[in-house]
Structure formats: structure tokens, C-alpha cells
Amino acid sequence: MYLIFTQNAIGASGFTFSKILVGAISPFTFVMIRLLLSAGVSFSLAYANDQWKPVARGHKRLFAAASFLGFFVSFCGGAITAQVLSSAISSMFFNAVPFITAILAFVLFGERLSPKKLVAIGIGCLGLIPCVMEASSSLATVSVVPLIITFFTVAGYAYGWLMVKELVQIGYAPAFVTGVTQLLAGLAAIPFSVYIEQCDMQLNAFVAGMVCALVLSTALSALLYSLLLKSYSPTLLSFAGTLMPCFAALYGWLFLGERITALLLISGVMITIGLYLFYRAEMSDVSKQSQLKKDVV
């Protein structure tokens, strides 16, 4: 279980690093550097453990979806909104990932949603309202654009990890999957960095060091999550993800001077309740399925 805490602590640092670095680097350039160097770390681990495997033609769609939505869309959206939203608020929105994942699994794969799960999703969605209110009050203008971008960022992240889960279950090594997906997403960010932002990379030694730290957190967090998918269910990992906003809020308070408001606390409590109820419903379904298999045998 300690690896779950470690993964969330490392993953939460990405929100803090993003908040710091977007002030020094333009968003697409930031994402390009972050993903390409992270891909190098992942590929190095895959090579060291002899985990290279040719990508089957039928699996290219899964790699493309995981790359574009799971990394390119979510990372670019996160970098853009980090300019106006606090790290605590951004991480709080990511607590909606299990709810969005459940809805996507229902729409795309026909997975059934029990009444208990629907109630849990409803509570979780209501829990986002205080977070949205806090985010709206923190914006300089009455603009919903950052919130819309954040929604698509979270939705892309959830869909991307559904594809990563399929690839890992098929038999691809986690380090290889994250390496390929991060590489493709990083390459996709290059045209935007060069032609839209003119590749603004005026970095001093301090910022360069921060980029390296961020790359390590990105690569290690993704690799740990992929590895944990082999031993734990996505629902359990999503429920454990409620730790991430706690770490992000702590880092934001320590290093960025961000406030932890009552609205954020209310939002965190409501989302945690929703996630807990969803987790209980999921475990109940798993138990019933296991019993049915035993009865059949």
C-alpha cells in the first residue's frame, strides 16, 4: 500500500511544478519538454529490463488514443489552466476522474452502473460545485473558459488511462506503454511550440533544474500507476487518488503561498464521500461476480 501513497505524493508534485514553471515557459513548450524527457526516462527503464515489444497493428489505435487524450490533451490543458487556477483547485478537479471513467466505461464498453454507483456519481458531481465556485471567484474575469478546458483535461486523462489499462492487460510493459504514449504526445506538441509560441525557452539554471525534477515526477508517477494497475483495481487506485489534492494543497501552501479555503475543504469532503460510496459499490459488484464464478465451477 505504501506505493499507492508514494504514487499520489509524486503525482501531486506535478501540479506544484506546473504552477511554478508556466510562469517561466510557454505552455506547449513546457509540455513538449516535459513529455519528451519523461519518455526518455520510461524508454530507458524499458530497455534496461528488456521490455521492448513490437506494437501490433490492431493496438495502434489504443496507443494513439492514450497518447493524444491521456497525455497531449490533459497535459496541455493542465499547463494552460495552471496559469489561472491554483494547484489545489486543479488537483481537486482530477478527483472527478473515477466518475468520468465510470461514465466512459458505460458509454464505450457497456459496463453497468448500479443505482448505488449512480448515487455516488451524483454526490461526487455535487462535490465539484464548491470547487467550481472557488475557481470562479479566483479568476480575474467572469470567464468559464478555464473551467471548460479543465473539464476536457480531466475527461481526456480518464479516457487515456482506460486505454493504458487495456494495453497493460494485453501484455505490454508499463514502462514501454508510458514511453510510447509520452513520446507521441511530446512530438505532437512540437508544432504548437514552434509555430504558435516560437519555442519560448529562456531558462536559467534554476528553472532547468525544476524541469528535471518535474520530468522525474511525471515519469515516476505514470510508471508507478501503470505498475499498480497490475495489482490493484482502477477503482481502488481512483479512490486512493483522493490523497493527491491533499498533497497538492500541502505543496501549494508550503511553496506557493496558496490558501486552503472552506469551499475547497467542503468540495474535498463531498468528493471523498462520493468516491467511498462508489468504491463500496464496486467492491460489492466484484464480490458478487467472484461468487458467481465459484458457483459455476
C-alpha atoms as a PDB file:
ATOM      1  CA  MET A   1       0.000   0.000   0.000  1.00  0.00           C
ATOM      2  CA  TYR A   2       2.933   2.353   0.589  1.00  0.00           C
ATOM      3  CA  LEU A   3       3.448   2.525  -3.192  1.00  0.00           C
ATOM      4  CA  ILE A   4      -0.053   3.982  -3.564  1.00  0.00           C
ATOM      5  CA  PHE A   5       0.829   6.784  -1.133  1.00  0.00           C
ATOM      6  CA  THR A   6       4.135   7.319  -2.928  1.00  0.00           C
ATOM      7  CA  GLN A   7       2.477   7.497  -6.357  1.00  0.00           C
ATOM      8  CA  ASN A   8      -0.015  10.122  -5.165  1.00  0.00           C
ATOM      9  CA  ALA A   9       2.653  12.164  -3.388  1.00  0.00           C
ATOM     10  CA  ILE A  10       4.823  12.179  -6.519  1.00  0.00           C
ATOM     11  CA  GLY A  11       1.883  12.833  -8.834  1.00  0.00           C
ATOM     12  CA  ALA A  12       0.683  15.778  -6.749  1.00  0.00           C
ATOM     13  CA  SER A  13       4.069  17.471  -7.120  1.00  0.00           C
ATOM     14  CA  GLY A  14       3.309  17.827 -10.831  1.00  0.00           C
ATOM     15  CA  PHE A  15       0.575  20.381 -10.074  1.00  0.00           C
ATOM     16  CA  THR A  16       3.002  22.442  -7.991  1.00  0.00           C
ATOM     17  CA  PHE A  17       5.812  22.244 -10.548  1.00  0.00           C
ATOM     18  CA  SER A  18       3.388  23.139 -13.334  1.00  0.00           C
ATOM     19  CA  LYS A  19       2.215  26.207 -11.450  1.00  0.00           C
ATOM     20  CA  ILE A  20       5.811  27.349 -10.966  1.00  0.00           C
ATOM     21  CA  LEU A  21       7.056  26.632 -14.476  1.00  0.00           C
ATOM     22  CA  VAL A  22       4.194  28.029 -16.578  1.00  0.00           C
ATOM     23  CA  GLY A  23       5.277  31.456 -15.413  1.00  0.00           C
ATOM     24  CA  ALA A  24       8.701  30.907 -17.000  1.00  0.00           C
ATOM     25  CA  ILE A  25       7.893  28.728 -20.020  1.00  0.00           C
ATOM     26  CA  SER A  26       5.049  28.931 -22.522  1.00  0.00           C
ATOM     27  CA  PRO A  27       2.526  26.073 -22.079  1.00  0.00           C
ATOM     28  CA  PHE A  28       3.142  23.979 -25.222  1.00  0.00           C
ATOM     29  CA  THR A  29       6.923  24.294 -24.896  1.00  0.00           C
ATOM     30  CA  PHE A  30       6.609  23.223 -21.270  1.00  0.00           C
ATOM     31  CA  VAL A  31       4.543  20.167 -22.254  1.00  0.00           C
ATOM     32  CA  MET A  32       6.929  19.296 -25.100  1.00  0.00           C
ATOM     33  CA  ILE A  33       9.993  19.302 -22.810  1.00  0.00           C
ATOM     34  CA  ARG A  34       8.182  17.511 -20.023  1.00  0.00           C
ATOM     35  CA  LEU A  35       6.841  14.656 -22.164  1.00  0.00           C
ATOM     36  CA  LEU A  36       9.863  14.091 -24.394  1.00  0.00           C
ATOM     37  CA  LEU A  37      12.274  13.877 -21.474  1.00  0.00           C
ATOM     38  CA  SER A  38       9.808  11.747 -19.499  1.00  0.00           C
ATOM     39  CA  ALA A  39       9.564   9.405 -22.492  1.00  0.00           C
ATOM     40  CA  GLY A  40      13.350   9.102 -22.407  1.00  0.00           C
ATOM     41  CA  VAL A  41      13.218   8.031 -18.751  1.00  0.00           C
ATOM     42  CA  SER A  42      10.472   5.484 -19.460  1.00  0.00           C
ATOM     43  CA  PHE A  43      12.248   4.058 -22.520  1.00  0.00           C
ATOM     44  CA  SER A  44      15.481   3.753 -20.532  1.00  0.00           C
ATOM     45  CA  LEU A  45      13.698   1.669 -17.907  1.00  0.00           C
ATOM     46  CA  ALA A  46      12.015  -0.448 -20.580  1.00  0.00           C
ATOM     47  CA  TYR A  47      15.364  -1.050 -22.314  1.00  0.00           C
ATOM     48  CA  ALA A  48      17.147  -1.878 -19.057  1.00  0.00           C
ATOM     49  CA  ASN A  49      14.518  -4.507 -18.237  1.00  0.00           C
ATOM     50  CA  ASP A  50      14.321  -5.866 -21.811  1.00  0.00           C
ATOM     51  CA  GLN A  51      10.651  -4.911 -22.105  1.00  0.00           C
ATOM     52  CA  TRP A  52      10.603  -3.833 -25.751  1.00  0.00           C
ATOM     53  CA  LYS A  53       7.790  -5.320 -27.776  1.00  0.00           C
ATOM     54  CA  PRO A  54       6.639  -4.616 -31.368  1.00  0.00           C
ATOM     55  CA  VAL A  55       3.336  -2.763 -31.433  1.00  0.00           C
ATOM     56  CA  ALA A  56       0.709  -4.902 -33.130  1.00  0.00           C
ATOM     57  CA  ARG A  57      -1.250  -3.225 -35.897  1.00  0.00           C
ATOM     58  CA  GLY A  58      -4.529  -3.692 -34.065  1.00  0.00           C
ATOM     59  CA  HIS A  59      -3.192  -1.947 -30.965  1.00  0.00           C
ATOM     60  CA  LYS A  60      -2.004   1.263 -32.646  1.00  0.00           C
ATOM     61  CA  ARG A  61      -5.405   2.870 -32.098  1.00  0.00           C
ATOM     62  CA  LEU A  62      -5.112   2.294 -28.349  1.00  0.00           C
ATOM     63  CA  PHE A  63      -1.631   3.822 -28.265  1.00  0.00           C
ATOM     64  CA  ALA A  64      -2.826   6.809 -30.316  1.00  0.00           C
ATOM     65  CA  ALA A  65      -5.835   7.411 -28.057  1.00  0.00           C
ATOM     66  CA  ALA A  66      -3.759   7.110 -24.884  1.00  0.00           C
ATOM     67  CA  SER A  67      -1.139   9.472 -26.330  1.00  0.00           C
ATOM     68  CA  PHE A  68      -3.470  12.164 -27.643  1.00  0.00           C
ATOM     69  CA  LEU A  69      -6.096  12.242 -24.899  1.00  0.00           C
ATOM     70  CA  GLY A  70      -4.262  10.806 -21.914  1.00  0.00           C
ATOM     71  CA  PHE A  71      -1.116  12.901 -22.292  1.00  0.00           C
ATOM     72  CA  PHE A  72      -1.310  15.586 -25.004  1.00  0.00           C
ATOM     73  CA  VAL A  73      -4.793  16.952 -24.242  1.00  0.00           C
ATOM     74  CA  SER A  74      -4.595  16.517 -20.469  1.00  0.00           C
ATOM     75  CA  PHE A  75      -1.060  17.907 -20.117  1.00  0.00           C
ATOM     76  CA  CYS A  76      -1.603  20.852 -22.472  1.00  0.00           C
ATOM     77  CA  GLY A  77      -4.918  21.678 -20.836  1.00  0.00           C
ATOM     78  CA  GLY A  78      -3.337  21.435 -17.401  1.00  0.00           C
ATOM     79  CA  ALA A  79      -0.462  23.717 -18.412  1.00  0.00           C
ATOM     80  CA  ILE A  80      -2.852  26.329 -19.816  1.00  0.00           C
ATOM     81  CA  THR A  81      -5.199  26.376 -16.813  1.00  0.00           C
ATOM     82  CA  ALA A  82      -2.282  26.364 -14.349  1.00  0.00           C
ATOM     83  CA  GLN A  83      -1.746  29.991 -15.328  1.00  0.00           C
ATOM     84  CA  VAL A  84      -5.047  30.990 -13.685  1.00  0.00           C
ATOM     85  CA  LEU A  85      -6.058  28.204 -11.285  1.00  0.00           C
ATOM     86  CA  SER A  86      -4.296  27.224  -8.068  1.00  0.00           C
ATOM     87  CA  SER A  87      -2.637  23.813  -7.849  1.00  0.00           C
ATOM     88  CA  ALA A  88      -5.110  22.746  -5.147  1.00  0.00           C
ATOM     89  CA  ILE A  89      -8.130  23.586  -7.326  1.00  0.00           C
ATOM     90  CA  SER A  90      -6.646  21.873 -10.374  1.00  0.00           C
ATOM     91  CA  SER A  91      -5.921  18.695  -8.427  1.00  0.00           C
ATOM     92  CA  MET A  92      -9.411  18.733  -6.888  1.00  0.00           C
ATOM     93  CA  PHE A  93     -10.963  18.572 -10.354  1.00  0.00           C
ATOM     94  CA  PHE A  94      -8.927  15.442 -11.035  1.00  0.00           C
ATOM     95  CA  ASN A  95     -10.831  13.719  -8.238  1.00  0.00           C
ATOM     96  CA  ALA A  96     -13.682  13.510 -10.735  1.00  0.00           C
ATOM     97  CA  VAL A  97     -11.613  11.040 -12.797  1.00  0.00           C
ATOM     98  CA  PRO A  98     -13.217   7.850 -11.376  1.00  0.00           C
ATOM     99  CA  PHE A  99     -16.717   9.215 -12.012  1.00  0.00           C
ATOM    100  CA  ILE A 100     -15.869  10.197 -15.579  1.00  0.00           C
ATOM    101  CA  THR A 101     -14.109   6.849 -16.064  1.00  0.00           C
ATOM    102  CA  ALA A 102     -17.251   5.014 -14.948  1.00  0.00           C
ATOM    103  CA  ILE A 103     -19.411   7.038 -17.333  1.00  0.00           C
ATOM    104  CA  LEU A 104     -16.997   6.460 -20.224  1.00  0.00           C
ATOM    105  CA  ALA A 105     -16.876   2.734 -19.440  1.00  0.00           C
ATOM    106  CA  PHE A 106     -20.697   2.684 -19.529  1.00  0.00           C
ATOM    107  CA  VAL A 107     -20.875   4.564 -22.840  1.00  0.00           C
ATOM    108  CA  LEU A 108     -17.940   2.880 -24.602  1.00  0.00           C
ATOM    109  CA  PHE A 109     -17.920  -0.635 -23.166  1.00  0.00           C
ATOM    110  CA  GLY A 110     -21.477  -1.057 -21.910  1.00  0.00           C
ATOM    111  CA  GLU A 111     -20.421  -1.586 -18.289  1.00  0.00           C
ATOM    112  CA  ARG A 112     -23.457  -1.483 -16.000  1.00  0.00           C
ATOM    113  CA  LEU A 113     -23.886   1.299 -13.463  1.00  0.00           C
ATOM    114  CA  SER A 114     -25.781   0.144 -10.386  1.00  0.00           C
ATOM    115  CA  PRO A 115     -28.143   2.519  -8.520  1.00  0.00           C
ATOM    116  CA  LYS A 116     -25.534   2.815  -5.742  1.00  0.00           C
ATOM    117  CA  LYS A 117     -22.893   3.876  -8.256  1.00  0.00           C
ATOM    118  CA  LEU A 118     -25.254   6.431  -9.781  1.00  0.00           C
ATOM    119  CA  VAL A 119     -25.893   7.910  -6.317  1.00  0.00           C
ATOM    120  CA  ALA A 120     -22.135   8.030  -5.666  1.00  0.00           C
ATOM    121  CA  ILE A 121     -21.510   9.745  -9.005  1.00  0.00           C
ATOM    122  CA  GLY A 122     -24.260  12.263  -8.191  1.00  0.00           C
ATOM    123  CA  ILE A 123     -22.671  13.089  -4.821  1.00  0.00           C
ATOM    124  CA  GLY A 124     -19.264  13.401  -6.448  1.00  0.00           C
ATOM    125  CA  CYS A 125     -20.591  15.781  -9.094  1.00  0.00           C
ATOM    126  CA  LEU A 126     -22.298  17.882  -6.427  1.00  0.00           C
ATOM    127  CA  GLY A 127     -18.987  17.956  -4.589  1.00  0.00           C
ATOM    128  CA  LEU A 128     -17.399  19.671  -7.574  1.00  0.00           C
ATOM    129  CA  ILE A 129     -19.764  22.651  -7.245  1.00  0.00           C
ATOM    130  CA  PRO A 130     -17.913  24.282  -4.303  1.00  0.00           C
ATOM    131  CA  CYS A 131     -14.648  23.722  -6.186  1.00  0.00           C
ATOM    132  CA  VAL A 132     -16.102  25.411  -9.280  1.00  0.00           C
ATOM    133  CA  MET A 133     -17.329  28.295  -7.093  1.00  0.00           C
ATOM    134  CA  GLU A 134     -13.861  28.684  -5.591  1.00  0.00           C
ATOM    135  CA  ALA A 135     -12.265  28.540  -9.038  1.00  0.00           C
ATOM    136  CA  SER A 136     -14.700  31.116 -10.418  1.00  0.00           C
ATOM    137  CA  SER A 137     -14.010  33.511  -7.554  1.00  0.00           C
ATOM    138  CA  SER A 138     -10.262  33.208  -8.158  1.00  0.00           C
ATOM    139  CA  LEU A 139     -10.490  34.228 -11.812  1.00  0.00           C
ATOM    140  CA  ALA A 140      -9.798  37.846 -12.681  1.00  0.00           C
ATOM    141  CA  THR A 141     -12.673  37.892 -15.176  1.00  0.00           C
ATOM    142  CA  VAL A 142     -16.026  36.164 -15.246  1.00  0.00           C
ATOM    143  CA  SER A 143     -14.810  33.595 -17.760  1.00  0.00           C
ATOM    144  CA  VAL A 144     -15.731  29.932 -17.790  1.00  0.00           C
ATOM    145  CA  VAL A 145     -13.111  29.060 -20.414  1.00  0.00           C
ATOM    146  CA  PRO A 146     -10.512  27.759 -17.889  1.00  0.00           C
ATOM    147  CA  LEU A 147     -13.179  25.579 -16.273  1.00  0.00           C
ATOM    148  CA  ILE A 148     -14.254  24.173 -19.652  1.00  0.00           C
ATOM    149  CA  ILE A 149     -10.628  23.430 -20.521  1.00  0.00           C
ATOM    150  CA  THR A 150     -10.194  21.761 -17.126  1.00  0.00           C
ATOM    151  CA  PHE A 151     -13.215  19.528 -17.765  1.00  0.00           C
ATOM    152  CA  PHE A 152     -11.838  18.319 -21.101  1.00  0.00           C
ATOM    153  CA  THR A 153      -8.409  17.928 -19.485  1.00  0.00           C
ATOM    154  CA  VAL A 154      -9.826  15.606 -16.823  1.00  0.00           C
ATOM    155  CA  ALA A 155     -12.022  13.730 -19.339  1.00  0.00           C
ATOM    156  CA  GLY A 156      -9.046  13.189 -21.641  1.00  0.00           C
ATOM    157  CA  TYR A 157      -6.944  11.968 -18.730  1.00  0.00           C
ATOM    158  CA  ALA A 158      -9.620   9.465 -17.690  1.00  0.00           C
ATOM    159  CA  TYR A 159     -10.098   8.135 -21.230  1.00  0.00           C
ATOM    160  CA  GLY A 160      -6.350   7.915 -21.807  1.00  0.00           C
ATOM    161  CA  TRP A 161      -5.794   5.766 -18.725  1.00  0.00           C
ATOM    162  CA  LEU A 162      -8.616   3.449 -19.802  1.00  0.00           C
ATOM    163  CA  MET A 163      -6.579   2.833 -22.954  1.00  0.00           C
ATOM    164  CA  VAL A 164      -3.346   2.410 -20.949  1.00  0.00           C
ATOM    165  CA  LYS A 165      -5.097  -0.166 -18.754  1.00  0.00           C
ATOM    166  CA  GLU A 166      -6.138  -2.142 -21.845  1.00  0.00           C
ATOM    167  CA  LEU A 167      -2.583  -2.081 -23.208  1.00  0.00           C
ATOM    168  CA  VAL A 168      -1.098  -3.244 -19.898  1.00  0.00           C
ATOM    169  CA  GLN A 169      -3.668  -6.047 -19.670  1.00  0.00           C
ATOM    170  CA  ILE A 170      -2.872  -7.076 -23.245  1.00  0.00           C
ATOM    171  CA  GLY A 171       0.721  -7.661 -22.186  1.00  0.00           C
ATOM    172  CA  TYR A 172       2.739  -4.523 -22.932  1.00  0.00           C
ATOM    173  CA  ALA A 173       5.128  -3.480 -20.156  1.00  0.00           C
ATOM    174  CA  PRO A 174       4.092  -0.324 -18.232  1.00  0.00           C
ATOM    175  CA  ALA A 175       7.428   1.417 -18.937  1.00  0.00           C
ATOM    176  CA  PHE A 176       7.085   0.678 -22.662  1.00  0.00           C
ATOM    177  CA  VAL A 177       3.481   1.926 -22.779  1.00  0.00           C
ATOM    178  CA  THR A 178       4.247   5.181 -20.977  1.00  0.00           C
ATOM    179  CA  GLY A 179       7.367   5.684 -23.112  1.00  0.00           C
ATOM    180  CA  VAL A 180       5.495   5.325 -26.404  1.00  0.00           C
ATOM    181  CA  THR A 181       2.489   7.413 -25.354  1.00  0.00           C
ATOM    182  CA  GLN A 182       4.607  10.204 -23.847  1.00  0.00           C
ATOM    183  CA  LEU A 183       6.863  10.272 -26.907  1.00  0.00           C
ATOM    184  CA  LEU A 184       3.937  10.597 -29.328  1.00  0.00           C
ATOM    185  CA  ALA A 185       2.297  13.283 -27.195  1.00  0.00           C
ATOM    186  CA  GLY A 186       5.575  15.198 -26.879  1.00  0.00           C
ATOM    187  CA  LEU A 187       6.094  15.081 -30.656  1.00  0.00           C
ATOM    188  CA  ALA A 188       2.537  16.350 -31.162  1.00  0.00           C
ATOM    189  CA  ALA A 189       3.351  19.387 -29.002  1.00  0.00           C
ATOM    190  CA  ILE A 190       6.365  20.402 -31.132  1.00  0.00           C
ATOM    191  CA  PRO A 191       4.421  22.182 -33.957  1.00  0.00           C
ATOM    192  CA  PHE A 192       2.397  24.146 -31.407  1.00  0.00           C
ATOM    193  CA  SER A 193       5.556  25.126 -29.534  1.00  0.00           C
ATOM    194  CA  VAL A 194       7.490  26.158 -32.669  1.00  0.00           C
ATOM    195  CA  TYR A 195       4.796  27.859 -34.750  1.00  0.00           C
ATOM    196  CA  ILE A 196       2.414  29.227 -32.110  1.00  0.00           C
ATOM    197  CA  GLU A 197       4.761  30.114 -29.259  1.00  0.00           C
ATOM    198  CA  GLN A 198       8.041  30.431 -31.180  1.00  0.00           C
ATOM    199  CA  CYS A 199       9.532  27.851 -28.801  1.00  0.00           C
ATOM    200  CA  ASP A 200       9.983  30.227 -25.872  1.00  0.00           C
ATOM    201  CA  MET A 201      12.630  28.502 -23.730  1.00  0.00           C
ATOM    202  CA  GLN A 202      14.536  31.259 -21.955  1.00  0.00           C
ATOM    203  CA  LEU A 203      15.500  29.151 -18.972  1.00  0.00           C
ATOM    204  CA  ASN A 204      18.001  29.846 -16.262  1.00  0.00           C
ATOM    205  CA  ALA A 205      19.725  27.119 -14.294  1.00  0.00           C
ATOM    206  CA  PHE A 206      17.066  27.127 -11.573  1.00  0.00           C
ATOM    207  CA  VAL A 207      14.164  26.596 -13.946  1.00  0.00           C
ATOM    208  CA  ALA A 208      16.120  23.937 -15.845  1.00  0.00           C
ATOM    209  CA  GLY A 209      16.595  22.086 -12.576  1.00  0.00           C
ATOM    210  CA  MET A 210      12.885  22.350 -11.881  1.00  0.00           C
ATOM    211  CA  VAL A 211      12.117  20.887 -15.304  1.00  0.00           C
ATOM    212  CA  CYS A 212      14.317  17.893 -14.496  1.00  0.00           C
ATOM    213  CA  ALA A 213      12.508  17.419 -11.201  1.00  0.00           C
ATOM    214  CA  LEU A 214       9.158  17.677 -12.953  1.00  0.00           C
ATOM    215  CA  VAL A 215      10.223  15.155 -15.576  1.00  0.00           C
ATOM    216  CA  LEU A 216      11.167  12.697 -12.861  1.00  0.00           C
ATOM    217  CA  SER A 217       7.819  13.199 -11.114  1.00  0.00           C
ATOM    218  CA  THR A 218       5.953  12.767 -14.401  1.00  0.00           C
ATOM    219  CA  ALA A 219       7.786   9.603 -15.422  1.00  0.00           C
ATOM    220  CA  LEU A 220       7.794   8.007 -11.978  1.00  0.00           C
ATOM    221  CA  SER A 221       4.140   8.814 -11.325  1.00  0.00           C
ATOM    222  CA  ALA A 222       2.999   7.339 -14.650  1.00  0.00           C
ATOM    223  CA  LEU A 223       5.186   4.262 -14.244  1.00  0.00           C
ATOM    224  CA  LEU A 224       4.033   3.623 -10.687  1.00  0.00           C
ATOM    225  CA  TYR A 225       0.384   3.974 -11.720  1.00  0.00           C
ATOM    226  CA  SER A 226       0.852   1.525 -14.589  1.00  0.00           C
ATOM    227  CA  LEU A 227       2.595  -0.945 -12.264  1.00  0.00           C
ATOM    228  CA  LEU A 228      -0.110  -0.584  -9.617  1.00  0.00           C
ATOM    229  CA  LEU A 229      -2.768  -1.434 -12.229  1.00  0.00           C
ATOM    230  CA  LYS A 230      -1.327  -4.951 -12.269  1.00  0.00           C
ATOM    231  CA  SER A 231      -2.029  -5.477  -8.558  1.00  0.00           C
ATOM    232  CA  TYR A 232      -4.933  -3.165  -7.754  1.00  0.00           C
ATOM    233  CA  SER A 233      -8.216  -2.313  -9.457  1.00  0.00           C
ATOM    234  CA  PRO A 234      -8.562   1.085 -11.185  1.00  0.00           C
ATOM    235  CA  THR A 235     -11.430   1.848  -8.784  1.00  0.00           C
ATOM    236  CA  LEU A 236      -9.229   1.348  -5.726  1.00  0.00           C
ATOM    237  CA  LEU A 237      -6.477   3.482  -7.253  1.00  0.00           C
ATOM    238  CA  SER A 238      -9.007   6.172  -8.149  1.00  0.00           C
ATOM    239  CA  PHE A 239     -10.327   6.143  -4.597  1.00  0.00           C
ATOM    240  CA  ALA A 240      -6.770   6.413  -3.286  1.00  0.00           C
ATOM    241  CA  GLY A 241      -6.375   9.383  -5.639  1.00  0.00           C
ATOM    242  CA  THR A 242      -8.252  11.492  -3.070  1.00  0.00           C
ATOM    243  CA  LEU A 243      -4.834  11.751  -1.417  1.00  0.00           C
ATOM    244  CA  MET A 244      -3.479  13.731  -4.362  1.00  0.00           C
ATOM    245  CA  PRO A 245      -5.373  17.006  -3.696  1.00  0.00           C
ATOM    246  CA  CYS A 246      -4.252  16.750  -0.068  1.00  0.00           C
ATOM    247  CA  PHE A 247      -0.613  16.587  -1.134  1.00  0.00           C
ATOM    248  CA  ALA A 248      -1.156  19.279  -3.798  1.00  0.00           C
ATOM    249  CA  ALA A 249      -2.789  21.620  -1.278  1.00  0.00           C
ATOM    250  CA  LEU A 250       0.069  20.993   1.166  1.00  0.00           C
ATOM    251  CA  TYR A 251       2.714  21.690  -1.508  1.00  0.00           C
ATOM    252  CA  GLY A 252       0.808  24.778  -2.666  1.00  0.00           C
ATOM    253  CA  TRP A 253       0.631  26.103   0.878  1.00  0.00           C
ATOM    254  CA  LEU A 254       4.303  25.380   1.588  1.00  0.00           C
ATOM    255  CA  PHE A 255       5.886  26.511  -1.679  1.00  0.00           C
ATOM    256  CA  LEU A 256       3.369  28.822  -3.403  1.00  0.00           C
ATOM    257  CA  GLY A 257       1.598  30.514  -0.509  1.00  0.00           C
ATOM    258  CA  GLU A 258      -1.814  29.291  -1.705  1.00  0.00           C
ATOM    259  CA  ARG A 259      -4.779  29.391   0.654  1.00  0.00           C
ATOM    260  CA  ILE A 260      -6.804  26.338   1.650  1.00  0.00           C
ATOM    261  CA  THR A 261     -10.357  27.704   1.757  1.00  0.00           C
ATOM    262  CA  ALA A 262     -13.556  26.364   3.312  1.00  0.00           C
ATOM    263  CA  LEU A 263     -15.049  25.764  -0.151  1.00  0.00           C
ATOM    264  CA  LEU A 264     -12.122  23.534  -1.097  1.00  0.00           C
ATOM    265  CA  LEU A 265     -12.486  21.592   2.148  1.00  0.00           C
ATOM    266  CA  ILE A 266     -16.229  21.118   1.561  1.00  0.00           C
ATOM    267  CA  SER A 267     -15.572  20.016  -2.008  1.00  0.00           C
ATOM    268  CA  GLY A 268     -12.897  17.571  -0.863  1.00  0.00           C
ATOM    269  CA  VAL A 269     -15.175  16.024   1.790  1.00  0.00           C
ATOM    270  CA  MET A 270     -18.124  15.611  -0.608  1.00  0.00           C
ATOM    271  CA  ILE A 271     -15.999  14.127  -3.390  1.00  0.00           C
ATOM    272  CA  THR A 272     -14.358  11.757  -0.902  1.00  0.00           C
ATOM    273  CA  ILE A 273     -17.787  10.580   0.294  1.00  0.00           C
ATOM    274  CA  GLY A 274     -18.857  10.012  -3.303  1.00  0.00           C
ATOM    275  CA  LEU A 275     -15.671   8.106  -4.070  1.00  0.00           C
ATOM    276  CA  TYR A 276     -16.050   5.985  -0.931  1.00  0.00           C
ATOM    277  CA  LEU A 277     -19.627   5.037  -1.830  1.00  0.00           C
ATOM    278  CA  PHE A 278     -18.540   4.301  -5.393  1.00  0.00           C
ATOM    279  CA  TYR A 279     -15.688   2.145  -4.112  1.00  0.00           C
ATOM    280  CA  ARG A 280     -18.038   0.209  -1.810  1.00  0.00           C
ATOM    281  CA  ALA A 281     -20.434  -0.399  -4.702  1.00  0.00           C
ATOM    282  CA  GLU A 282     -17.563  -1.533  -6.921  1.00  0.00           C
ATOM    283  CA  MET A 283     -16.245  -3.945  -4.292  1.00  0.00           C
ATOM    284  CA  SER A 284     -19.748  -5.316  -3.814  1.00  0.00           C
ATOM    285  CA  ASP A 285     -20.043  -5.968  -7.557  1.00  0.00           C
ATOM    286  CA  VAL A 286     -16.626  -7.655  -7.637  1.00  0.00           C
ATOM    287  CA  SER A 287     -17.604  -9.871  -4.694  1.00  0.00           C
ATOM    288  CA  LYS A 288     -20.836 -10.907  -6.408  1.00  0.00           C
ATOM    289  CA  GLN A 289     -19.017 -11.712  -9.642  1.00  0.00           C
ATOM    290  CA  SER A 290     -16.443 -13.806  -7.773  1.00  0.00           C
ATOM    291  CA  GLN A 291     -19.217 -15.720  -6.014  1.00  0.00           C
ATOM    292  CA  LEU A 292     -20.994 -16.377  -9.293  1.00  0.00           C
ATOM    293  CA  LYS A 293     -17.773 -17.784 -10.782  1.00  0.00           C
ATOM    294  CA  LYS A 294     -17.348 -20.087  -7.766  1.00  0.00           C
ATOM    295  CA  ASP A 295     -20.947 -21.272  -8.092  1.00  0.00           C
ATOM    296  CA  VAL A 296     -20.446 -22.028 -11.781  1.00  0.00           C
ATOM    297  CA  VAL A 297     -17.288 -24.033 -11.048  1.00  0.00           C
END
